[in-house]
């Protein structure tokens, strides 16, 4: 456990789980015993969650990404405090996994770990989060699940890449999307805190979850999908995090598709289709020989 300070508390890890004592609407959260942590996700042990071997056929966007940089490097890039132990490089983060996010409360900004798949505070259980890992930018101001988080709990999801799939004949070919300059992509996200009704009312367990905001595709991604995650430019991600901005029109304007961030898109091995697969080979470009062996 840790002592909260101004809504943000320092996280410690015990037995591979991120732990913190919740205070008010602070950034961190104390995980329930047995809750999956980042290290469990890395090893493919997503406790209590059954992943389809190939859940990419469901047509969602964005449904997989990689986080390869250490938390300390992300903290430096986003001028934030690293409040979670370094989970190590991850190449196939899937919904319901814990992942690194950048959050800000008042004047403190932090790198911490939340569960992917937003669970609103009014939800009866965690099950709905497995479906709410994307939020459409066009309906954030009206959606009961997301409108409160849009106004008060925005985050940045720093990723080294995300995946998209395109049918090419009989093959569903995965593609990896990265920044041309090699820097991490800053994806617009929302977060929420959900109190576990089974926990002690005197010391409630609050589970922190997040979702990734999507919009219509820019020119670079239009041939792959009719949606894309909102990519915040170097000039806009700080405004997205700023908790003092309450003008919905100003925030919505940040969610338009843009070509301001140059992207590189390349085919990768279909190994990534399996949510249980992990490793650097998932983000390596396919060679001509590999394509021939796969029948592409």
C-alpha atoms as a PDB file:
ATOM      1  CA  UNK A   1       0.000   0.000   0.000  1.00  0.00           C
ATOM      2  CA  UNK A   2       1.035   3.641  -0.233  1.00  0.00           C
ATOM      3  CA  UNK A   3       0.074   6.977   1.234  1.00  0.00           C
ATOM      4  CA  UNK A   4      -1.848   9.261  -1.110  1.00  0.00           C
ATOM      5  CA  UNK A   5      -0.572  12.796  -1.576  1.00  0.00           C
ATOM      6  CA  UNK A   6      -2.804  15.321  -3.295  1.00  0.00           C
ATOM      7  CA  UNK A   7      -4.747  12.654  -5.153  1.00  0.00           C
ATOM      8  CA  UNK A   8      -1.676  10.830  -6.489  1.00  0.00           C
ATOM      9  CA  UNK A   9       0.075   8.071  -4.631  1.00  0.00           C
ATOM     10  CA  UNK A  10       3.289   6.172  -5.230  1.00  0.00           C
ATOM     11  CA  UNK A  11       2.709   2.588  -6.339  1.00  0.00           C
ATOM     12  CA  UNK A  12       4.619  -0.429  -5.172  1.00  0.00           C
ATOM     13  CA  UNK A  13       4.538  -3.932  -6.584  1.00  0.00           C
ATOM     14  CA  UNK A  14       4.150  -7.072  -4.496  1.00  0.00           C
ATOM     15  CA  UNK A  15       4.064 -10.492  -6.134  1.00  0.00           C
ATOM     16  CA  UNK A  16       3.760  -8.882  -9.567  1.00  0.00           C
ATOM     17  CA  UNK A  17       0.613  -6.865  -8.722  1.00  0.00           C
ATOM     18  CA  UNK A  18       0.348  -3.116  -8.577  1.00  0.00           C
ATOM     19  CA  UNK A  19      -0.966  -2.051  -5.174  1.00  0.00           C
ATOM     20  CA  UNK A  20      -2.148   1.264  -3.771  1.00  0.00           C
ATOM     21  CA  UNK A  21      -4.625   2.516  -1.220  1.00  0.00           C
ATOM     22  CA  UNK A  22      -7.333   4.533  -2.919  1.00  0.00           C
ATOM     23  CA  UNK A  23      -8.145   8.023  -1.722  1.00  0.00           C
ATOM     24  CA  UNK A  24     -10.993   9.993  -3.277  1.00  0.00           C
ATOM     25  CA  UNK A  25     -10.555  10.088  -7.048  1.00  0.00           C
ATOM     26  CA  UNK A  26      -6.774   9.737  -6.987  1.00  0.00           C
ATOM     27  CA  UNK A  27      -4.814   8.440  -9.930  1.00  0.00           C
ATOM     28  CA  UNK A  28      -3.726   5.133  -8.407  1.00  0.00           C
ATOM     29  CA  UNK A  29      -5.851   2.257  -7.236  1.00  0.00           C
ATOM     30  CA  UNK A  30      -5.381  -0.650  -4.855  1.00  0.00           C
ATOM     31  CA  UNK A  31      -5.967  -3.833  -6.798  1.00  0.00           C
ATOM     32  CA  UNK A  32      -8.028  -6.637  -5.301  1.00  0.00           C
ATOM     33  CA  UNK A  33      -6.186  -9.829  -4.351  1.00  0.00           C
ATOM     34  CA  UNK A  34      -5.905 -11.983  -7.440  1.00  0.00           C
ATOM     35  CA  UNK A  35      -6.326  -9.086  -9.866  1.00  0.00           C
ATOM     36  CA  UNK A  36      -4.160  -9.448 -12.941  1.00  0.00           C
ATOM     37  CA  UNK A  37      -1.153  -7.144 -13.244  1.00  0.00           C
ATOM     38  CA  UNK A  38       1.119  -6.158 -16.077  1.00  0.00           C
ATOM     39  CA  UNK A  39       3.526  -9.006 -15.469  1.00  0.00           C
ATOM     40  CA  UNK A  40       0.708 -11.529 -15.519  1.00  0.00           C
ATOM     41  CA  UNK A  41      -0.429 -10.101 -18.847  1.00  0.00           C
ATOM     42  CA  UNK A  42       3.075 -10.385 -20.267  1.00  0.00           C
ATOM     43  CA  UNK A  43       3.174 -14.082 -19.503  1.00  0.00           C
ATOM     44  CA  UNK A  44      -0.257 -14.649 -21.032  1.00  0.00           C
ATOM     45  CA  UNK A  45      -1.954 -15.288 -17.657  1.00  0.00           C
ATOM     46  CA  UNK A  46      -4.985 -12.989 -17.791  1.00  0.00           C
ATOM     47  CA  UNK A  47      -6.790 -14.269 -14.722  1.00  0.00           C
ATOM     48  CA  UNK A  48     -10.560 -14.480 -14.964  1.00  0.00           C
ATOM     49  CA  UNK A  49     -10.585 -13.503 -18.652  1.00  0.00           C
ATOM     50  CA  UNK A  50     -11.012 -15.827 -21.596  1.00  0.00           C
ATOM     51  CA  UNK A  51      -9.459 -14.396 -24.773  1.00  0.00           C
ATOM     52  CA  UNK A  52     -10.350 -15.738 -28.178  1.00  0.00           C
ATOM     53  CA  UNK A  53      -7.269 -17.156 -29.845  1.00  0.00           C
ATOM     54  CA  UNK A  54      -7.980 -14.748 -32.693  1.00  0.00           C
ATOM     55  CA  UNK A  55     -10.191 -11.945 -31.389  1.00  0.00           C
ATOM     56  CA  UNK A  56      -9.172  -9.619 -34.238  1.00  0.00           C
ATOM     57  CA  UNK A  57     -12.032 -10.963 -36.401  1.00  0.00           C
ATOM     58  CA  UNK A  58     -14.536  -8.935 -34.410  1.00  0.00           C
ATOM     59  CA  UNK A  59     -13.687  -5.802 -36.392  1.00  0.00           C
ATOM     60  CA  UNK A  60     -12.850  -3.437 -33.520  1.00  0.00           C
ATOM     61  CA  UNK A  61     -10.443  -0.514 -33.702  1.00  0.00           C
ATOM     62  CA  UNK A  62      -8.119  -0.070 -31.849  1.00  0.00           C
ATOM     63  CA  UNK A  63      -7.862  -3.591 -30.404  1.00  0.00           C
ATOM     64  CA  UNK A  64      -4.124  -4.303 -29.960  1.00  0.00           C
ATOM     65  CA  UNK A  65      -0.984  -2.263 -29.391  1.00  0.00           C
ATOM     66  CA  UNK A  66       2.602  -2.503 -28.192  1.00  0.00           C
ATOM     67  CA  UNK A  67       4.334  -0.712 -25.311  1.00  0.00           C
ATOM     68  CA  UNK A  68       8.036  -1.358 -25.617  1.00  0.00           C
ATOM     69  CA  UNK A  69       9.577   1.557 -23.711  1.00  0.00           C
ATOM     70  CA  UNK A  70      10.251   1.446 -19.963  1.00  0.00           C
ATOM     71  CA  UNK A  71       8.027   3.501 -17.685  1.00  0.00           C
ATOM     72  CA  UNK A  72      11.006   5.682 -16.746  1.00  0.00           C
ATOM     73  CA  UNK A  73      11.552   6.717 -20.389  1.00  0.00           C
ATOM     74  CA  UNK A  74       7.855   7.476 -20.872  1.00  0.00           C
ATOM     75  CA  UNK A  75       7.919   9.563 -17.704  1.00  0.00           C
ATOM     76  CA  UNK A  76      10.746  11.636 -19.143  1.00  0.00           C
ATOM     77  CA  UNK A  77       9.041  12.063 -22.517  1.00  0.00           C
ATOM     78  CA  UNK A  78       5.732  13.141 -20.959  1.00  0.00           C
ATOM     79  CA  UNK A  79       7.241  15.143 -18.057  1.00  0.00           C
ATOM     80  CA  UNK A  80       5.534  12.830 -15.566  1.00  0.00           C
ATOM     81  CA  UNK A  81       6.302  10.866 -12.400  1.00  0.00           C
ATOM     82  CA  UNK A  82       6.797   7.106 -12.892  1.00  0.00           C
ATOM     83  CA  UNK A  83       4.450   5.612 -10.288  1.00  0.00           C
ATOM     84  CA  UNK A  84       4.643   1.992 -11.374  1.00  0.00           C
ATOM     85  CA  UNK A  85       7.456  -0.519 -11.651  1.00  0.00           C
ATOM     86  CA  UNK A  86       8.806  -1.097 -15.138  1.00  0.00           C
ATOM     87  CA  UNK A  87       6.772  -3.946 -16.684  1.00  0.00           C
ATOM     88  CA  UNK A  88       9.254  -4.618 -19.488  1.00  0.00           C
ATOM     89  CA  UNK A  89       8.605  -4.501 -23.232  1.00  0.00           C
ATOM     90  CA  UNK A  90       5.189  -5.739 -24.374  1.00  0.00           C
ATOM     91  CA  UNK A  91       4.311  -6.387 -27.987  1.00  0.00           C
ATOM     92  CA  UNK A  92       0.696  -7.612 -27.934  1.00  0.00           C
ATOM     93  CA  UNK A  93      -1.387  -5.716 -25.374  1.00  0.00           C
ATOM     94  CA  UNK A  94      -5.038  -6.808 -25.602  1.00  0.00           C
ATOM     95  CA  UNK A  95      -8.283  -5.621 -23.969  1.00  0.00           C
ATOM     96  CA  UNK A  96      -8.568  -6.468 -20.244  1.00  0.00           C
ATOM     97  CA  UNK A  97      -4.754  -6.324 -19.885  1.00  0.00           C
ATOM     98  CA  UNK A  98      -3.196  -3.713 -17.621  1.00  0.00           C
ATOM     99  CA  UNK A  99      -1.273  -1.073 -19.576  1.00  0.00           C
ATOM    100  CA  UNK A 100       0.662   2.134 -18.955  1.00  0.00           C
ATOM    101  CA  UNK A 101      -1.214   5.435 -19.196  1.00  0.00           C
ATOM    102  CA  UNK A 102      -0.398   9.095 -18.580  1.00  0.00           C
ATOM    103  CA  UNK A 103      -2.841  10.767 -16.184  1.00  0.00           C
ATOM    104  CA  UNK A 104      -3.013  14.194 -14.597  1.00  0.00           C
ATOM    105  CA  UNK A 105      -4.769  15.453 -11.474  1.00  0.00           C
ATOM    106  CA  UNK A 106      -4.418  19.161 -10.783  1.00  0.00           C
ATOM    107  CA  UNK A 107      -0.716  19.972 -11.256  1.00  0.00           C
ATOM    108  CA  UNK A 108       0.651  16.419 -10.932  1.00  0.00           C
ATOM    109  CA  UNK A 109       1.175  14.164 -13.925  1.00  0.00           C
ATOM    110  CA  UNK A 110       1.999  10.474 -13.621  1.00  0.00           C
ATOM    111  CA  UNK A 111       2.727   7.270 -15.502  1.00  0.00           C
ATOM    112  CA  UNK A 112       0.672   4.484 -13.953  1.00  0.00           C
ATOM    113  CA  UNK A 113      -1.063   1.239 -14.952  1.00  0.00           C
ATOM    114  CA  UNK A 114      -4.814   0.796 -15.527  1.00  0.00           C
ATOM    115  CA  UNK A 115      -6.917  -2.044 -16.954  1.00  0.00           C
ATOM    116  CA  UNK A 116      -7.855  -1.676 -20.632  1.00  0.00           C
ATOM    117  CA  UNK A 117     -11.641  -1.560 -21.032  1.00  0.00           C
ATOM    118  CA  UNK A 118     -13.494   1.269 -19.274  1.00  0.00           C
ATOM    119  CA  UNK A 119     -15.905   0.355 -16.477  1.00  0.00           C
ATOM    120  CA  UNK A 120     -18.156   3.318 -15.487  1.00  0.00           C
ATOM    121  CA  UNK A 121     -18.559   4.025 -11.787  1.00  0.00           C
ATOM    122  CA  UNK A 122     -22.233   2.992 -11.977  1.00  0.00           C
ATOM    123  CA  UNK A 123     -21.586  -0.434 -13.537  1.00  0.00           C
ATOM    124  CA  UNK A 124     -22.703  -3.462 -11.522  1.00  0.00           C
ATOM    125  CA  UNK A 125     -19.587  -5.471 -12.345  1.00  0.00           C
ATOM    126  CA  UNK A 126     -16.406  -5.460 -14.433  1.00  0.00           C
ATOM    127  CA  UNK A 127     -17.763  -7.527 -17.323  1.00  0.00           C
ATOM    128  CA  UNK A 128     -18.782  -4.569 -19.485  1.00  0.00           C
ATOM    129  CA  UNK A 129     -15.207  -3.323 -19.626  1.00  0.00           C
ATOM    130  CA  UNK A 130     -14.230  -6.128 -21.988  1.00  0.00           C
ATOM    131  CA  UNK A 131     -16.448  -4.461 -24.609  1.00  0.00           C
ATOM    132  CA  UNK A 132     -15.721  -0.780 -23.886  1.00  0.00           C
ATOM    133  CA  UNK A 133     -12.072  -0.570 -24.868  1.00  0.00           C
ATOM    134  CA  UNK A 134     -12.873   1.941 -27.629  1.00  0.00           C
ATOM    135  CA  UNK A 135     -14.967   5.125 -27.408  1.00  0.00           C
ATOM    136  CA  UNK A 136     -16.247   6.938 -30.497  1.00  0.00           C
ATOM    137  CA  UNK A 137     -15.185  10.600 -30.525  1.00  0.00           C
ATOM    138  CA  UNK A 138     -18.483  11.591 -32.141  1.00  0.00           C
ATOM    139  CA  UNK A 139     -20.593  10.469 -29.157  1.00  0.00           C
ATOM    140  CA  UNK A 140     -18.395  11.250 -26.136  1.00  0.00           C
ATOM    141  CA  UNK A 141     -20.514  14.198 -25.029  1.00  0.00           C
ATOM    142  CA  UNK A 142     -23.722  12.136 -24.962  1.00  0.00           C
ATOM    143  CA  UNK A 143     -22.680   8.560 -24.164  1.00  0.00           C
ATOM    144  CA  UNK A 144     -23.641   7.620 -20.574  1.00  0.00           C
ATOM    145  CA  UNK A 145     -20.571   5.375 -20.373  1.00  0.00           C
ATOM    146  CA  UNK A 146     -18.045   8.017 -21.422  1.00  0.00           C
ATOM    147  CA  UNK A 147     -19.388  11.573 -21.026  1.00  0.00           C
ATOM    148  CA  UNK A 148     -18.340  11.996 -17.385  1.00  0.00           C
ATOM    149  CA  UNK A 149     -14.828  10.686 -18.080  1.00  0.00           C
ATOM    150  CA  UNK A 150     -14.604  12.947 -21.150  1.00  0.00           C
ATOM    151  CA  UNK A 151     -15.261  15.998 -19.003  1.00  0.00           C
ATOM    152  CA  UNK A 152     -13.108  15.137 -16.019  1.00  0.00           C
ATOM    153  CA  UNK A 153     -10.854  12.093 -16.495  1.00  0.00           C
ATOM    154  CA  UNK A 154      -8.866  12.173 -19.704  1.00  0.00           C
ATOM    155  CA  UNK A 155      -5.594  10.334 -20.228  1.00  0.00           C
ATOM    156  CA  UNK A 156      -2.938   9.635 -22.830  1.00  0.00           C
ATOM    157  CA  UNK A 157      -2.132   6.049 -23.817  1.00  0.00           C
ATOM    158  CA  UNK A 158       1.513   6.024 -24.966  1.00  0.00           C
ATOM    159  CA  UNK A 159       2.116   3.224 -27.470  1.00  0.00           C
ATOM    160  CA  UNK A 160       5.042   2.334 -29.664  1.00  0.00           C
ATOM    161  CA  UNK A 161       2.662   0.943 -32.265  1.00  0.00           C
ATOM    162  CA  UNK A 162      -0.849  -0.327 -32.843  1.00  0.00           C
ATOM    163  CA  UNK A 163      -2.139  -3.053 -35.142  1.00  0.00           C
ATOM    164  CA  UNK A 164      -4.804  -3.092 -37.814  1.00  0.00           C
ATOM    165  CA  UNK A 165      -6.008  -5.882 -40.106  1.00  0.00           C
ATOM    166  CA  UNK A 166      -6.904  -5.921 -43.787  1.00  0.00           C
ATOM    167  CA  UNK A 167      -8.386  -8.770 -45.775  1.00  0.00           C
ATOM    168  CA  UNK A 168      -6.170  -9.641 -48.755  1.00  0.00           C
ATOM    169  CA  UNK A 169      -7.809 -12.483 -50.634  1.00  0.00           C
ATOM    170  CA  UNK A 170      -8.298 -15.274 -48.109  1.00  0.00           C
ATOM    171  CA  UNK A 171      -5.725 -13.831 -45.714  1.00  0.00           C
ATOM    172  CA  UNK A 172      -6.460 -11.383 -42.887  1.00  0.00           C
ATOM    173  CA  UNK A 173      -3.152  -9.578 -42.940  1.00  0.00           C
ATOM    174  CA  UNK A 174      -2.080  -7.636 -39.812  1.00  0.00           C
ATOM    175  CA  UNK A 175      -0.314  -4.288 -40.197  1.00  0.00           C
ATOM    176  CA  UNK A 176       1.739  -2.388 -37.660  1.00  0.00           C
ATOM    177  CA  UNK A 177       1.414   1.415 -37.404  1.00  0.00           C
ATOM    178  CA  UNK A 178       4.297   3.445 -35.939  1.00  0.00           C
ATOM    179  CA  UNK A 179       5.504   7.032 -35.957  1.00  0.00           C
ATOM    180  CA  UNK A 180       7.910   7.763 -38.767  1.00  0.00           C
ATOM    181  CA  UNK A 181      10.318   9.474 -36.345  1.00  0.00           C
ATOM    182  CA  UNK A 182      10.349   6.533 -33.923  1.00  0.00           C
ATOM    183  CA  UNK A 183       8.755   8.420 -31.026  1.00  0.00           C
ATOM    184  CA  UNK A 184       5.790   6.933 -29.138  1.00  0.00           C
ATOM    185  CA  UNK A 185       2.267   7.627 -30.351  1.00  0.00           C
ATOM    186  CA  UNK A 186       0.128   9.571 -27.875  1.00  0.00           C
ATOM    187  CA  UNK A 187      -3.386   8.113 -28.143  1.00  0.00           C
ATOM    188  CA  UNK A 188      -6.325   9.963 -26.610  1.00  0.00           C
ATOM    189  CA  UNK A 189      -7.917   8.017 -23.768  1.00  0.00           C
ATOM    190  CA  UNK A 190     -10.429   8.262 -20.931  1.00  0.00           C
ATOM    191  CA  UNK A 191     -10.270   6.633 -17.510  1.00  0.00           C
ATOM    192  CA  UNK A 192     -12.677   5.803 -14.699  1.00  0.00           C
ATOM    193  CA  UNK A 193     -12.681   4.394 -11.194  1.00  0.00           C
ATOM    194  CA  UNK A 194     -15.056   1.575 -10.181  1.00  0.00           C
ATOM    195  CA  UNK A 195     -15.556   0.617  -6.547  1.00  0.00           C
ATOM    196  CA  UNK A 196     -15.754  -3.106  -5.965  1.00  0.00           C
ATOM    197  CA  UNK A 197     -19.015  -3.623  -4.026  1.00  0.00           C
ATOM    198  CA  UNK A 198     -17.558  -6.754  -2.443  1.00  0.00           C
ATOM    199  CA  UNK A 199     -14.703  -4.826  -0.813  1.00  0.00           C
ATOM    200  CA  UNK A 200     -14.627  -3.393   2.702  1.00  0.00           C
ATOM    201  CA  UNK A 201     -16.558  -0.065   2.776  1.00  0.00           C
ATOM    202  CA  UNK A 202     -13.981   1.293   5.227  1.00  0.00           C
ATOM    203  CA  UNK A 203     -11.166   0.542   2.786  1.00  0.00           C
ATOM    204  CA  UNK A 204     -12.802   0.176  -0.641  1.00  0.00           C
ATOM    205  CA  UNK A 205     -10.974  -1.322  -3.583  1.00  0.00           C
ATOM    206  CA  UNK A 206     -11.180   0.919  -6.640  1.00  0.00           C
ATOM    207  CA  UNK A 207     -10.329  -0.562 -10.010  1.00  0.00           C
ATOM    208  CA  UNK A 208      -8.989   1.961 -12.532  1.00  0.00           C
ATOM    209  CA  UNK A 209      -9.812   1.297 -16.175  1.00  0.00           C
ATOM    210  CA  UNK A 210      -9.352   3.149 -19.462  1.00  0.00           C
ATOM    211  CA  UNK A 211     -10.547   3.270 -23.046  1.00  0.00           C
ATOM    212  CA  UNK A 212      -8.997   4.534 -26.288  1.00  0.00           C
ATOM    213  CA  UNK A 213     -10.885   7.194 -28.272  1.00  0.00           C
ATOM    214  CA  UNK A 214     -11.378   6.522 -31.994  1.00  0.00           C
ATOM    215  CA  UNK A 215     -12.287   8.747 -34.926  1.00  0.00           C
ATOM    216  CA  UNK A 216     -12.594   8.553 -38.712  1.00  0.00           C
ATOM    217  CA  UNK A 217      -9.340   7.606 -40.476  1.00  0.00           C
ATOM    218  CA  UNK A 218      -6.794  10.022 -41.880  1.00  0.00           C
ATOM    219  CA  UNK A 219      -5.363   9.627 -45.379  1.00  0.00           C
ATOM    220  CA  UNK A 220      -2.665   7.188 -44.241  1.00  0.00           C
ATOM    221  CA  UNK A 221      -5.094   4.703 -42.644  1.00  0.00           C
ATOM    222  CA  UNK A 222      -8.179   5.066 -44.828  1.00  0.00           C
ATOM    223  CA  UNK A 223      -7.269   2.011 -46.911  1.00  0.00           C
ATOM    224  CA  UNK A 224      -7.036  -0.216 -43.806  1.00  0.00           C
ATOM    225  CA  UNK A 225     -10.089   0.655 -41.708  1.00  0.00           C
ATOM    226  CA  UNK A 226     -12.990   3.094 -41.369  1.00  0.00           C
ATOM    227  CA  UNK A 227     -11.827   4.020 -37.834  1.00  0.00           C
ATOM    228  CA  UNK A 228      -8.511   4.879 -36.194  1.00  0.00           C
ATOM    229  CA  UNK A 229      -7.386   5.764 -32.672  1.00  0.00           C
ATOM    230  CA  UNK A 230      -7.128   9.497 -32.054  1.00  0.00           C
ATOM    231  CA  UNK A 231      -3.431  10.366 -32.336  1.00  0.00           C
ATOM    232  CA  UNK A 232      -2.566  13.513 -30.396  1.00  0.00           C
ATOM    233  CA  UNK A 233       0.247  15.623 -31.804  1.00  0.00           C
ATOM    234  CA  UNK A 234       3.160  16.940 -29.749  1.00  0.00           C
ATOM    235  CA  UNK A 235       1.300  20.263 -29.596  1.00  0.00           C
ATOM    236  CA  UNK A 236      -2.061  18.902 -28.381  1.00  0.00           C
ATOM    237  CA  UNK A 237      -1.555  16.072 -25.882  1.00  0.00           C
ATOM    238  CA  UNK A 238      -0.879  18.434 -22.981  1.00  0.00           C
ATOM    239  CA  UNK A 239      -4.139  20.258 -23.676  1.00  0.00           C
ATOM    240  CA  UNK A 240      -5.991  16.935 -23.721  1.00  0.00           C
ATOM    241  CA  UNK A 241      -4.593  16.102 -20.269  1.00  0.00           C
ATOM    242  CA  UNK A 242      -5.227  19.562 -18.802  1.00  0.00           C
ATOM    243  CA  UNK A 243      -7.980  19.074 -16.156  1.00  0.00           C
ATOM    244  CA  UNK A 244      -8.803  22.800 -16.140  1.00  0.00           C
ATOM    245  CA  UNK A 245     -10.177  22.729 -19.708  1.00  0.00           C
ATOM    246  CA  UNK A 246     -13.946  22.349 -19.467  1.00  0.00           C
ATOM    247  CA  UNK A 247     -14.985  23.627 -22.914  1.00  0.00           C
ATOM    248  CA  UNK A 248     -16.356  20.548 -24.712  1.00  0.00           C
ATOM    249  CA  UNK A 249     -15.950  22.201 -28.108  1.00  0.00           C
ATOM    250  CA  UNK A 250     -12.250  22.800 -27.490  1.00  0.00           C
ATOM    251  CA  UNK A 251     -11.763  19.185 -26.435  1.00  0.00           C
ATOM    252  CA  UNK A 252     -13.752  17.739 -29.356  1.00  0.00           C
ATOM    253  CA  UNK A 253     -11.609  19.775 -31.750  1.00  0.00           C
ATOM    254  CA  UNK A 254      -8.559  17.814 -30.556  1.00  0.00           C
ATOM    255  CA  UNK A 255     -10.162  14.549 -31.690  1.00  0.00           C
ATOM    256  CA  UNK A 256     -10.267  15.172 -35.424  1.00  0.00           C
ATOM    257  CA  UNK A 257      -8.243  12.884 -37.737  1.00  0.00           C
ATOM    258  CA  UNK A 258      -4.947  14.510 -38.582  1.00  0.00           C
ATOM    259  CA  UNK A 259      -1.895  13.899 -40.742  1.00  0.00           C
ATOM    260  CA  UNK A 260       0.265  16.110 -38.495  1.00  0.00           C
ATOM    261  CA  UNK A 261       1.994  12.987 -37.143  1.00  0.00           C
ATOM    262  CA  UNK A 262       3.771  11.146 -39.963  1.00  0.00           C
ATOM    263  CA  UNK A 263       3.099   7.402 -39.837  1.00  0.00           C
ATOM    264  CA  UNK A 264       4.805   4.297 -41.201  1.00  0.00           C
ATOM    265  CA  UNK A 265       2.604   1.262 -41.893  1.00  0.00           C
ATOM    266  CA  UNK A 266       3.939  -2.196 -42.702  1.00  0.00           C
ATOM    267  CA  UNK A 267       2.758  -5.801 -42.785  1.00  0.00           C
ATOM    268  CA  UNK A 268       3.705  -8.067 -39.859  1.00  0.00           C
ATOM    269  CA  UNK A 269       3.460 -11.761 -39.085  1.00  0.00           C
ATOM    270  CA  UNK A 270      -0.066 -13.139 -38.388  1.00  0.00           C
ATOM    271  CA  UNK A 271       1.314 -14.476 -35.092  1.00  0.00           C
ATOM    272  CA  UNK A 272      -0.092 -11.264 -33.569  1.00  0.00           C
ATOM    273  CA  UNK A 273      -3.630 -12.516 -34.295  1.00  0.00           C
ATOM    274  CA  UNK A 274      -3.294 -14.739 -31.230  1.00  0.00           C
ATOM    275  CA  UNK A 275      -3.662 -12.636 -28.060  1.00  0.00           C
ATOM    276  CA  UNK A 276      -1.485 -15.157 -26.213  1.00  0.00           C
ATOM    277  CA  UNK A 277       1.551 -14.533 -28.437  1.00  0.00           C
ATOM    278  CA  UNK A 278       4.242 -12.155 -27.199  1.00  0.00           C
ATOM    279  CA  UNK A 279       7.694 -11.080 -28.361  1.00  0.00           C
ATOM    280  CA  UNK A 280       9.615  -8.660 -30.605  1.00  0.00           C
ATOM    281  CA  UNK A 281       8.996 -10.780 -33.711  1.00  0.00           C
ATOM    282  CA  UNK A 282       5.398  -9.497 -33.692  1.00  0.00           C
ATOM    283  CA  UNK A 283       6.483  -5.971 -34.693  1.00  0.00           C
ATOM    284  CA  UNK A 284       9.090  -6.943 -37.268  1.00  0.00           C
ATOM    285  CA  UNK A 285       8.226  -6.120 -40.910  1.00  0.00           C
ATOM    286  CA  UNK A 286       7.464  -9.119 -43.084  1.00  0.00           C
ATOM    287  CA  UNK A 287      10.186  -9.985 -45.555  1.00  0.00           C
ATOM    288  CA  UNK A 288       9.421 -11.093 -49.100  1.00  0.00           C
ATOM    289  CA  UNK A 289      10.382 -14.647 -48.132  1.00  0.00           C
ATOM    290  CA  UNK A 290       8.027 -14.555 -45.158  1.00  0.00           C
ATOM    291  CA  UNK A 291       5.176 -13.308 -47.336  1.00  0.00           C
ATOM    292  CA  UNK A 292       5.711 -16.141 -49.813  1.00  0.00           C
ATOM    293  CA  UNK A 293       5.718 -18.743 -47.037  1.00  0.00           C
ATOM    294  CA  UNK A 294       2.437 -17.330 -45.706  1.00  0.00           C
ATOM    295  CA  UNK A 295       0.864 -17.311 -49.163  1.00  0.00           C
ATOM    296  CA  UNK A 296       0.507 -13.503 -49.250  1.00  0.00           C
END
